[in-house]
N, C-alpha and C. Protein backbone atom coordinates (compact mmCIF):
# COMPACT_ATOMS: atom_id res chain seq x y z
N MET A 1 -32.62 -33.08 90.51
CA MET A 1 -31.60 -32.27 91.13
C MET A 1 -31.50 -32.63 92.60
N ASN A 2 -30.32 -32.82 93.06
CA ASN A 2 -30.11 -33.12 94.46
C ASN A 2 -29.94 -31.81 95.23
N ALA A 3 -30.99 -31.38 95.95
CA ALA A 3 -30.88 -30.16 96.73
C ALA A 3 -29.75 -30.33 97.73
N GLY A 4 -28.86 -29.39 97.72
CA GLY A 4 -27.73 -29.48 98.63
C GLY A 4 -26.48 -30.02 97.95
N ASP A 5 -26.51 -30.25 96.66
CA ASP A 5 -25.34 -30.69 95.91
C ASP A 5 -24.43 -29.48 95.70
N PRO A 6 -23.27 -29.43 96.38
CA PRO A 6 -22.41 -28.24 96.30
C PRO A 6 -21.97 -27.89 94.87
N ALA A 7 -21.70 -28.89 94.04
CA ALA A 7 -21.28 -28.60 92.67
C ALA A 7 -22.40 -27.93 91.88
N GLN A 8 -23.63 -28.45 92.04
CA GLN A 8 -24.78 -27.85 91.35
C GLN A 8 -25.07 -26.45 91.89
N ASP A 9 -24.96 -26.28 93.21
CA ASP A 9 -25.18 -24.95 93.80
C ASP A 9 -24.20 -23.94 93.22
N ARG A 10 -22.94 -24.31 93.10
CA ARG A 10 -21.94 -23.40 92.53
C ARG A 10 -22.23 -23.10 91.06
N ARG A 11 -22.62 -24.12 90.33
CA ARG A 11 -22.91 -23.93 88.91
C ARG A 11 -24.07 -22.96 88.71
N TRP A 12 -25.17 -23.19 89.43
CA TRP A 12 -26.32 -22.30 89.29
C TRP A 12 -26.02 -20.90 89.81
N LEU A 13 -25.28 -20.80 90.89
CA LEU A 13 -24.96 -19.49 91.44
C LEU A 13 -24.07 -18.70 90.47
N ARG A 14 -23.12 -19.37 89.84
CA ARG A 14 -22.30 -18.69 88.82
C ARG A 14 -23.18 -18.18 87.67
N LYS A 15 -24.19 -18.95 87.29
CA LYS A 15 -25.11 -18.51 86.24
C LYS A 15 -25.90 -17.27 86.69
N ALA A 16 -26.31 -17.24 87.95
CA ALA A 16 -27.02 -16.07 88.47
C ALA A 16 -26.11 -14.84 88.47
N ILE A 17 -24.86 -15.04 88.86
CA ILE A 17 -23.90 -13.94 88.85
C ILE A 17 -23.69 -13.45 87.42
N GLU A 18 -23.56 -14.37 86.49
CA GLU A 18 -23.39 -13.99 85.08
C GLU A 18 -24.62 -13.23 84.58
N LEU A 19 -25.80 -13.65 84.99
CA LEU A 19 -27.04 -12.97 84.60
C LEU A 19 -27.05 -11.52 85.08
N SER A 20 -26.41 -11.25 86.20
CA SER A 20 -26.40 -9.89 86.73
C SER A 20 -25.70 -8.91 85.80
N ARG A 21 -24.88 -9.41 84.88
CA ARG A 21 -24.22 -8.54 83.89
C ARG A 21 -25.23 -7.79 83.02
N LEU A 22 -26.44 -8.33 82.90
CA LEU A 22 -27.48 -7.71 82.08
C LEU A 22 -28.15 -6.53 82.77
N SER A 23 -27.92 -6.36 84.05
CA SER A 23 -28.54 -5.28 84.80
C SER A 23 -28.02 -3.93 84.29
N PRO A 24 -28.92 -3.01 83.98
CA PRO A 24 -28.47 -1.69 83.50
C PRO A 24 -27.61 -1.01 84.57
N PRO A 25 -26.49 -0.43 84.17
CA PRO A 25 -25.63 0.26 85.15
C PRO A 25 -26.40 1.36 85.87
N SER A 26 -26.18 1.46 87.17
CA SER A 26 -26.90 2.45 87.97
C SER A 26 -26.09 2.79 89.21
N LEU A 27 -26.23 4.03 89.65
CA LEU A 27 -25.61 4.43 90.91
C LEU A 27 -26.60 4.29 92.07
N THR A 28 -27.81 3.76 91.78
CA THR A 28 -28.83 3.65 92.82
C THR A 28 -29.21 2.21 93.16
N HIS A 29 -28.63 1.24 92.47
CA HIS A 29 -28.92 -0.15 92.80
C HIS A 29 -27.77 -1.05 92.37
N TYR A 30 -27.72 -2.21 93.02
CA TYR A 30 -26.72 -3.22 92.68
C TYR A 30 -27.14 -3.98 91.43
N ALA A 31 -26.16 -4.51 90.72
CA ALA A 31 -26.43 -5.45 89.63
C ALA A 31 -26.53 -6.84 90.27
N VAL A 32 -27.71 -7.42 90.20
CA VAL A 32 -27.98 -8.71 90.84
C VAL A 32 -28.69 -9.60 89.83
N GLY A 33 -28.37 -10.89 89.86
CA GLY A 33 -29.05 -11.88 89.04
C GLY A 33 -29.68 -12.94 89.92
N ALA A 34 -30.80 -13.48 89.47
CA ALA A 34 -31.50 -14.52 90.24
C ALA A 34 -32.07 -15.57 89.29
N ILE A 35 -32.02 -16.82 89.74
CA ILE A 35 -32.57 -17.94 88.98
C ILE A 35 -33.35 -18.82 89.95
N ILE A 36 -34.57 -19.16 89.58
CA ILE A 36 -35.38 -20.09 90.38
C ILE A 36 -35.36 -21.44 89.66
N VAL A 37 -34.92 -22.47 90.39
CA VAL A 37 -34.74 -23.81 89.83
C VAL A 37 -35.61 -24.79 90.62
N ASP A 38 -36.32 -25.65 89.90
CA ASP A 38 -37.15 -26.62 90.61
C ASP A 38 -36.31 -27.79 91.11
N ARG A 39 -36.93 -28.71 91.81
CA ARG A 39 -36.20 -29.81 92.47
C ARG A 39 -35.54 -30.74 91.47
N ARG A 40 -36.02 -30.75 90.21
CA ARG A 40 -35.41 -31.60 89.18
C ARG A 40 -34.23 -30.91 88.48
N GLY A 41 -34.03 -29.61 88.76
CA GLY A 41 -32.96 -28.87 88.12
C GLY A 41 -33.40 -28.10 86.89
N ASP A 42 -34.71 -27.94 86.71
CA ASP A 42 -35.23 -27.17 85.59
C ASP A 42 -35.42 -25.71 86.01
N VAL A 43 -35.04 -24.80 85.14
CA VAL A 43 -35.20 -23.37 85.42
C VAL A 43 -36.68 -23.01 85.30
N LEU A 44 -37.20 -22.42 86.36
CA LEU A 44 -38.59 -21.94 86.35
C LEU A 44 -38.65 -20.48 85.89
N ALA A 45 -37.67 -19.68 86.32
CA ALA A 45 -37.66 -18.26 85.96
C ALA A 45 -36.30 -17.67 86.28
N THR A 46 -35.97 -16.61 85.56
CA THR A 46 -34.75 -15.85 85.83
C THR A 46 -35.12 -14.39 85.94
N GLY A 47 -34.23 -13.62 86.55
CA GLY A 47 -34.45 -12.18 86.63
C GLY A 47 -33.17 -11.47 86.97
N TYR A 48 -33.12 -10.21 86.63
CA TYR A 48 -31.99 -9.38 87.03
C TYR A 48 -32.50 -7.98 87.37
N THR A 49 -31.75 -7.28 88.15
CA THR A 49 -32.15 -5.96 88.61
C THR A 49 -32.41 -5.05 87.41
N GLY A 50 -33.56 -4.41 87.42
CA GLY A 50 -33.91 -3.47 86.36
C GLY A 50 -34.32 -4.12 85.05
N GLU A 51 -34.59 -5.40 85.05
CA GLU A 51 -34.90 -6.11 83.81
C GLU A 51 -36.12 -5.55 83.09
N THR A 52 -37.22 -5.40 83.79
CA THR A 52 -38.45 -4.92 83.16
C THR A 52 -38.93 -3.60 83.74
N ASP A 53 -38.36 -3.23 84.86
CA ASP A 53 -38.72 -1.98 85.54
C ASP A 53 -37.47 -1.53 86.28
N PRO A 54 -37.13 -0.26 86.23
CA PRO A 54 -35.91 0.19 86.89
C PRO A 54 -35.89 -0.06 88.40
N HIS A 55 -37.07 -0.27 88.98
CA HIS A 55 -37.16 -0.48 90.43
C HIS A 55 -37.25 -1.95 90.82
N HIS A 56 -37.37 -2.84 89.85
CA HIS A 56 -37.47 -4.27 90.16
C HIS A 56 -36.12 -4.84 90.56
N HIS A 57 -36.11 -5.53 91.67
CA HIS A 57 -34.93 -6.29 92.08
C HIS A 57 -34.94 -7.62 91.33
N ALA A 58 -33.81 -8.30 91.31
CA ALA A 58 -33.67 -9.55 90.55
C ALA A 58 -34.68 -10.61 90.98
N GLU A 59 -34.80 -10.81 92.30
CA GLU A 59 -35.71 -11.82 92.82
C GLU A 59 -37.15 -11.48 92.44
N GLU A 60 -37.49 -10.22 92.55
CA GLU A 60 -38.83 -9.74 92.20
C GLU A 60 -39.10 -9.97 90.71
N ALA A 61 -38.12 -9.69 89.86
CA ALA A 61 -38.29 -9.89 88.42
C ALA A 61 -38.55 -11.37 88.11
N ALA A 62 -37.81 -12.26 88.76
CA ALA A 62 -38.00 -13.69 88.53
C ALA A 62 -39.38 -14.14 89.02
N LEU A 63 -39.75 -13.74 90.22
CA LEU A 63 -41.06 -14.13 90.76
C LEU A 63 -42.21 -13.58 89.93
N THR A 64 -42.06 -12.38 89.40
CA THR A 64 -43.11 -11.78 88.58
C THR A 64 -43.39 -12.64 87.35
N LYS A 65 -42.36 -13.24 86.79
CA LYS A 65 -42.54 -14.10 85.61
C LYS A 65 -43.36 -15.34 85.93
N LEU A 66 -43.37 -15.74 87.19
CA LEU A 66 -44.14 -16.92 87.59
C LEU A 66 -45.59 -16.60 87.91
N ALA A 67 -45.90 -15.32 88.08
CA ALA A 67 -47.23 -14.91 88.53
C ALA A 67 -48.34 -15.34 87.58
N ASP A 68 -48.07 -15.35 86.27
CA ASP A 68 -49.10 -15.68 85.29
C ASP A 68 -49.03 -17.13 84.81
N ARG A 69 -48.18 -17.93 85.45
CA ARG A 69 -48.01 -19.32 85.02
C ARG A 69 -48.43 -20.26 86.13
N VAL A 70 -48.83 -21.44 85.70
CA VAL A 70 -49.06 -22.50 86.68
C VAL A 70 -47.70 -23.12 86.95
N VAL A 71 -47.23 -22.97 88.17
CA VAL A 71 -45.91 -23.49 88.52
C VAL A 71 -46.05 -24.54 89.60
N PRO A 72 -45.09 -25.44 89.63
CA PRO A 72 -45.13 -26.43 90.71
C PRO A 72 -44.93 -25.76 92.06
N ASP A 73 -45.16 -26.52 93.06
CA ASP A 73 -44.99 -26.07 94.43
C ASP A 73 -43.57 -25.52 94.62
N LEU A 74 -43.45 -24.23 94.94
CA LEU A 74 -42.14 -23.60 95.10
C LEU A 74 -41.44 -24.00 96.39
N SER A 75 -42.13 -24.77 97.22
CA SER A 75 -41.47 -25.24 98.44
C SER A 75 -40.38 -26.27 98.12
N GLN A 76 -40.35 -26.72 96.88
CA GLN A 76 -39.30 -27.64 96.43
C GLN A 76 -38.26 -26.92 95.55
N ALA A 77 -38.39 -25.61 95.41
CA ALA A 77 -37.52 -24.83 94.52
C ALA A 77 -36.39 -24.16 95.29
N THR A 78 -35.33 -23.85 94.55
CA THR A 78 -34.20 -23.11 95.09
C THR A 78 -34.05 -21.82 94.30
N LEU A 79 -33.86 -20.73 95.03
CA LEU A 79 -33.54 -19.45 94.41
C LEU A 79 -32.03 -19.26 94.51
N TYR A 80 -31.39 -19.05 93.39
CA TYR A 80 -29.97 -18.70 93.35
C TYR A 80 -29.90 -17.21 93.07
N THR A 81 -29.25 -16.48 93.96
CA THR A 81 -29.16 -15.03 93.80
C THR A 81 -27.75 -14.57 94.12
N SER A 82 -27.26 -13.66 93.30
CA SER A 82 -25.88 -13.22 93.49
C SER A 82 -25.72 -12.44 94.80
N MET A 83 -26.78 -11.78 95.25
CA MET A 83 -26.69 -10.99 96.48
C MET A 83 -27.88 -11.26 97.39
N GLU A 84 -27.64 -11.16 98.66
CA GLU A 84 -28.66 -11.37 99.70
C GLU A 84 -29.96 -10.62 99.38
N PRO A 85 -31.10 -11.30 99.43
CA PRO A 85 -32.38 -10.62 99.22
C PRO A 85 -32.61 -9.53 100.25
N CYS A 86 -33.20 -8.43 99.79
CA CYS A 86 -33.36 -7.24 100.63
C CYS A 86 -34.45 -7.42 101.68
N THR A 87 -34.30 -6.64 102.75
CA THR A 87 -35.34 -6.54 103.78
C THR A 87 -35.85 -5.11 103.88
N VAL A 88 -35.24 -4.20 103.16
CA VAL A 88 -35.62 -2.79 103.17
C VAL A 88 -35.70 -2.32 101.72
N ARG A 89 -36.81 -1.64 101.38
CA ARG A 89 -36.98 -1.09 100.03
C ARG A 89 -37.39 0.36 100.13
N ARG A 90 -36.81 1.18 99.31
CA ARG A 90 -37.26 2.57 99.20
C ARG A 90 -38.25 2.72 98.05
N SER A 91 -38.12 1.86 97.04
CA SER A 91 -38.89 2.01 95.81
C SER A 91 -40.16 1.17 95.77
N ARG A 92 -40.33 0.25 96.69
CA ARG A 92 -41.48 -0.66 96.68
C ARG A 92 -41.92 -0.93 98.12
N PRO A 93 -43.18 -1.32 98.29
CA PRO A 93 -43.63 -1.60 99.65
C PRO A 93 -43.12 -2.93 100.21
N ASP A 94 -42.90 -3.92 99.34
CA ASP A 94 -42.54 -5.25 99.83
C ASP A 94 -41.09 -5.59 99.50
N PRO A 95 -40.28 -5.85 100.52
CA PRO A 95 -38.91 -6.28 100.25
C PRO A 95 -38.89 -7.69 99.67
N CYS A 96 -37.79 -8.04 99.05
CA CYS A 96 -37.68 -9.35 98.39
C CYS A 96 -37.82 -10.51 99.37
N THR A 97 -37.37 -10.34 100.61
CA THR A 97 -37.53 -11.43 101.57
C THR A 97 -39.00 -11.75 101.78
N ASP A 98 -39.85 -10.74 101.86
CA ASP A 98 -41.29 -10.96 102.02
C ASP A 98 -41.86 -11.66 100.79
N LEU A 99 -41.43 -11.24 99.60
CA LEU A 99 -41.91 -11.86 98.36
C LEU A 99 -41.52 -13.33 98.31
N LEU A 100 -40.30 -13.64 98.73
CA LEU A 100 -39.83 -15.03 98.71
C LEU A 100 -40.59 -15.89 99.73
N LEU A 101 -40.79 -15.33 100.93
CA LEU A 101 -41.54 -16.07 101.95
C LEU A 101 -42.98 -16.29 101.50
N ASP A 102 -43.60 -15.27 100.91
CA ASP A 102 -44.98 -15.41 100.42
C ASP A 102 -45.08 -16.44 99.30
N ALA A 103 -44.03 -16.52 98.47
CA ALA A 103 -44.04 -17.48 97.35
C ALA A 103 -43.79 -18.91 97.82
N GLY A 104 -43.25 -19.06 99.02
CA GLY A 104 -42.99 -20.39 99.55
C GLY A 104 -41.66 -20.99 99.15
N ILE A 105 -40.74 -20.17 98.66
CA ILE A 105 -39.40 -20.66 98.31
C ILE A 105 -38.76 -21.24 99.57
N ALA A 106 -38.26 -22.46 99.48
CA ALA A 106 -37.75 -23.15 100.67
C ALA A 106 -36.24 -23.05 100.83
N ARG A 107 -35.55 -22.66 99.76
CA ARG A 107 -34.08 -22.69 99.80
C ARG A 107 -33.53 -21.53 98.98
N VAL A 108 -32.53 -20.84 99.54
CA VAL A 108 -31.88 -19.72 98.85
C VAL A 108 -30.38 -19.93 98.93
N VAL A 109 -29.72 -19.82 97.78
CA VAL A 109 -28.26 -19.91 97.70
C VAL A 109 -27.76 -18.55 97.21
N LEU A 110 -26.82 -17.97 97.95
CA LEU A 110 -26.33 -16.63 97.62
C LEU A 110 -24.81 -16.57 97.73
N ALA A 111 -24.24 -15.54 97.06
CA ALA A 111 -22.79 -15.37 97.06
C ALA A 111 -22.34 -14.27 98.00
N LEU A 112 -23.12 -13.21 98.15
CA LEU A 112 -22.67 -12.04 98.90
C LEU A 112 -23.82 -11.46 99.71
N ARG A 113 -23.55 -11.19 100.96
CA ARG A 113 -24.53 -10.45 101.76
C ARG A 113 -24.51 -8.99 101.32
N GLU A 114 -25.65 -8.34 101.40
CA GLU A 114 -25.75 -6.96 100.92
C GLU A 114 -24.83 -6.04 101.72
N PRO A 115 -23.91 -5.36 101.02
CA PRO A 115 -23.04 -4.40 101.72
C PRO A 115 -23.85 -3.25 102.31
N LEU A 116 -23.27 -2.57 103.28
CA LEU A 116 -23.95 -1.48 103.98
C LEU A 116 -23.83 -0.18 103.18
N LEU A 117 -24.37 -0.15 101.98
CA LEU A 117 -24.32 1.05 101.16
C LEU A 117 -25.69 1.72 101.08
N PHE A 118 -26.71 0.96 100.73
CA PHE A 118 -28.06 1.51 100.58
C PHE A 118 -28.94 1.24 101.79
N ALA A 119 -28.72 0.11 102.44
CA ALA A 119 -29.58 -0.28 103.57
C ALA A 119 -28.83 -1.27 104.46
N ASP A 120 -29.28 -1.36 105.69
CA ASP A 120 -28.77 -2.37 106.62
C ASP A 120 -29.69 -3.58 106.49
N CYS A 121 -29.30 -4.50 105.64
CA CYS A 121 -30.14 -5.64 105.27
C CYS A 121 -29.89 -6.82 106.20
N ASP A 122 -30.94 -7.52 106.55
CA ASP A 122 -30.80 -8.75 107.31
C ASP A 122 -31.62 -9.86 106.66
N GLY A 123 -31.45 -9.97 105.33
CA GLY A 123 -32.21 -10.95 104.55
C GLY A 123 -31.95 -12.38 104.95
N VAL A 124 -30.69 -12.71 105.23
CA VAL A 124 -30.36 -14.08 105.62
C VAL A 124 -31.10 -14.45 106.90
N GLU A 125 -31.02 -13.59 107.88
CA GLU A 125 -31.67 -13.86 109.17
C GLU A 125 -33.20 -13.90 109.02
N THR A 126 -33.74 -12.99 108.23
CA THR A 126 -35.19 -12.96 108.02
C THR A 126 -35.68 -14.24 107.35
N LEU A 127 -34.98 -14.67 106.32
CA LEU A 127 -35.38 -15.89 105.62
C LEU A 127 -35.22 -17.11 106.51
N ARG A 128 -34.11 -17.20 107.22
CA ARG A 128 -33.93 -18.33 108.14
C ARG A 128 -35.05 -18.35 109.18
N GLY A 129 -35.40 -17.18 109.69
CA GLY A 129 -36.48 -17.09 110.66
C GLY A 129 -37.81 -17.55 110.09
N GLY A 130 -37.97 -17.46 108.77
CA GLY A 130 -39.18 -17.92 108.10
C GLY A 130 -39.09 -19.38 107.65
N GLY A 131 -38.02 -20.07 108.06
CA GLY A 131 -37.89 -21.49 107.75
C GLY A 131 -37.19 -21.81 106.44
N VAL A 132 -36.60 -20.81 105.81
CA VAL A 132 -35.91 -21.02 104.54
C VAL A 132 -34.48 -21.49 104.81
N GLU A 133 -34.07 -22.53 104.08
CA GLU A 133 -32.68 -22.99 104.17
C GLU A 133 -31.81 -22.00 103.39
N ILE A 134 -30.74 -21.53 104.01
CA ILE A 134 -29.82 -20.58 103.38
C ILE A 134 -28.47 -21.25 103.19
N VAL A 135 -27.93 -21.11 101.98
CA VAL A 135 -26.59 -21.58 101.68
C VAL A 135 -25.81 -20.38 101.16
N GLU A 136 -24.71 -20.06 101.83
CA GLU A 136 -23.84 -18.97 101.38
C GLU A 136 -22.58 -19.56 100.79
N ILE A 137 -22.26 -19.14 99.58
CA ILE A 137 -21.03 -19.57 98.92
C ILE A 137 -20.16 -18.34 98.77
N GLY A 138 -19.55 -17.97 99.88
CA GLY A 138 -18.79 -16.73 99.98
C GLY A 138 -17.62 -16.61 99.03
N GLU A 139 -17.04 -17.75 98.63
CA GLU A 139 -15.90 -17.66 97.73
C GLU A 139 -16.29 -17.10 96.36
N LEU A 140 -17.57 -17.07 96.03
CA LEU A 140 -18.03 -16.44 94.79
C LEU A 140 -18.40 -14.98 94.99
N GLY A 141 -18.35 -14.52 96.23
CA GLY A 141 -18.72 -13.13 96.54
C GLY A 141 -17.87 -12.11 95.83
N GLN A 142 -16.60 -12.39 95.63
CA GLN A 142 -15.74 -11.42 94.95
C GLN A 142 -16.18 -11.17 93.52
N LEU A 143 -16.77 -12.17 92.87
CA LEU A 143 -17.32 -11.97 91.53
C LEU A 143 -18.46 -10.94 91.55
N VAL A 144 -19.26 -10.98 92.60
CA VAL A 144 -20.36 -10.03 92.75
C VAL A 144 -19.82 -8.64 93.04
N VAL A 145 -18.79 -8.56 93.88
CA VAL A 145 -18.16 -7.28 94.17
C VAL A 145 -17.61 -6.68 92.87
N THR A 146 -16.94 -7.50 92.08
CA THR A 146 -16.38 -7.03 90.81
C THR A 146 -17.49 -6.54 89.89
N MET A 147 -18.60 -7.26 89.85
CA MET A 147 -19.74 -6.87 89.02
C MET A 147 -20.32 -5.53 89.46
N ASN A 148 -20.13 -5.20 90.72
CA ASN A 148 -20.68 -3.96 91.29
C ASN A 148 -19.59 -2.98 91.67
N ALA A 149 -18.46 -3.05 91.00
CA ALA A 149 -17.33 -2.17 91.31
C ALA A 149 -17.70 -0.70 91.13
N HIS A 150 -18.67 -0.39 90.26
CA HIS A 150 -19.11 0.99 90.08
C HIS A 150 -19.68 1.58 91.37
N LEU A 151 -20.13 0.73 92.28
CA LEU A 151 -20.67 1.16 93.57
C LEU A 151 -19.73 0.84 94.74
N LEU A 152 -19.12 -0.32 94.68
CA LEU A 152 -18.37 -0.83 95.82
C LEU A 152 -16.87 -0.58 95.73
N GLY A 153 -16.40 -0.27 94.55
CA GLY A 153 -14.96 -0.10 94.37
C GLY A 153 -14.28 -1.46 94.28
N PRO A 154 -13.04 -1.46 93.86
CA PRO A 154 -12.35 -2.74 93.64
C PRO A 154 -11.90 -3.45 94.90
N VAL A 155 -11.88 -2.78 96.05
CA VAL A 155 -11.35 -3.41 97.25
C VAL A 155 -12.42 -3.81 98.25
N ALA A 156 -13.68 -3.53 97.95
CA ALA A 156 -14.74 -3.90 98.89
C ALA A 156 -14.81 -5.40 99.00
N GLY A 157 -15.17 -5.88 100.14
CA GLY A 157 -15.26 -7.31 100.35
C GLY A 157 -16.60 -7.71 100.90
N PRO A 158 -16.84 -9.00 100.95
CA PRO A 158 -18.12 -9.48 101.47
C PRO A 158 -18.28 -9.21 102.96
N ARG A 159 -19.52 -8.97 103.34
CA ARG A 159 -19.88 -8.80 104.75
C ARG A 159 -20.26 -10.17 105.28
N ASN A 160 -19.69 -10.55 106.36
CA ASN A 160 -20.02 -11.86 106.96
C ASN A 160 -20.97 -11.67 108.12
N GLY A 161 -21.82 -12.65 108.31
CA GLY A 161 -22.80 -12.53 109.37
C GLY A 161 -22.77 -13.62 110.25
């Protein structure tokens, strides 16, 4: 896999957005999907909000699946997530940005920054500050808004930073 290939980034990000459809409907969290892909383009893990625990975020669900496996160095992996990883959690002590930094993920591709509904998130800035390459594909953000219309309504738009 060529890290930084825009066509591949869009393809994987669309798959993460599609995965978010599996998230149980809730008025307390967004429907988010995440896929961790190694440098060769192989899927290491997937996750979606509420997959195994109602409080698990998508990134957390994906990383949890790797905890019991021998995985290659994640510094060569890319996380594709439909929405910006959180920096504030009410339900857990560690926000997703901390989990990603601790795991050593070097690259994150996202479609939508977290809207100002549940928290004032600065995941992009936090990850960049930790040396993570961030790629935003904002033109796919409307798909995420549509997926979360139960919270955001049909006219909400992406927040730019």
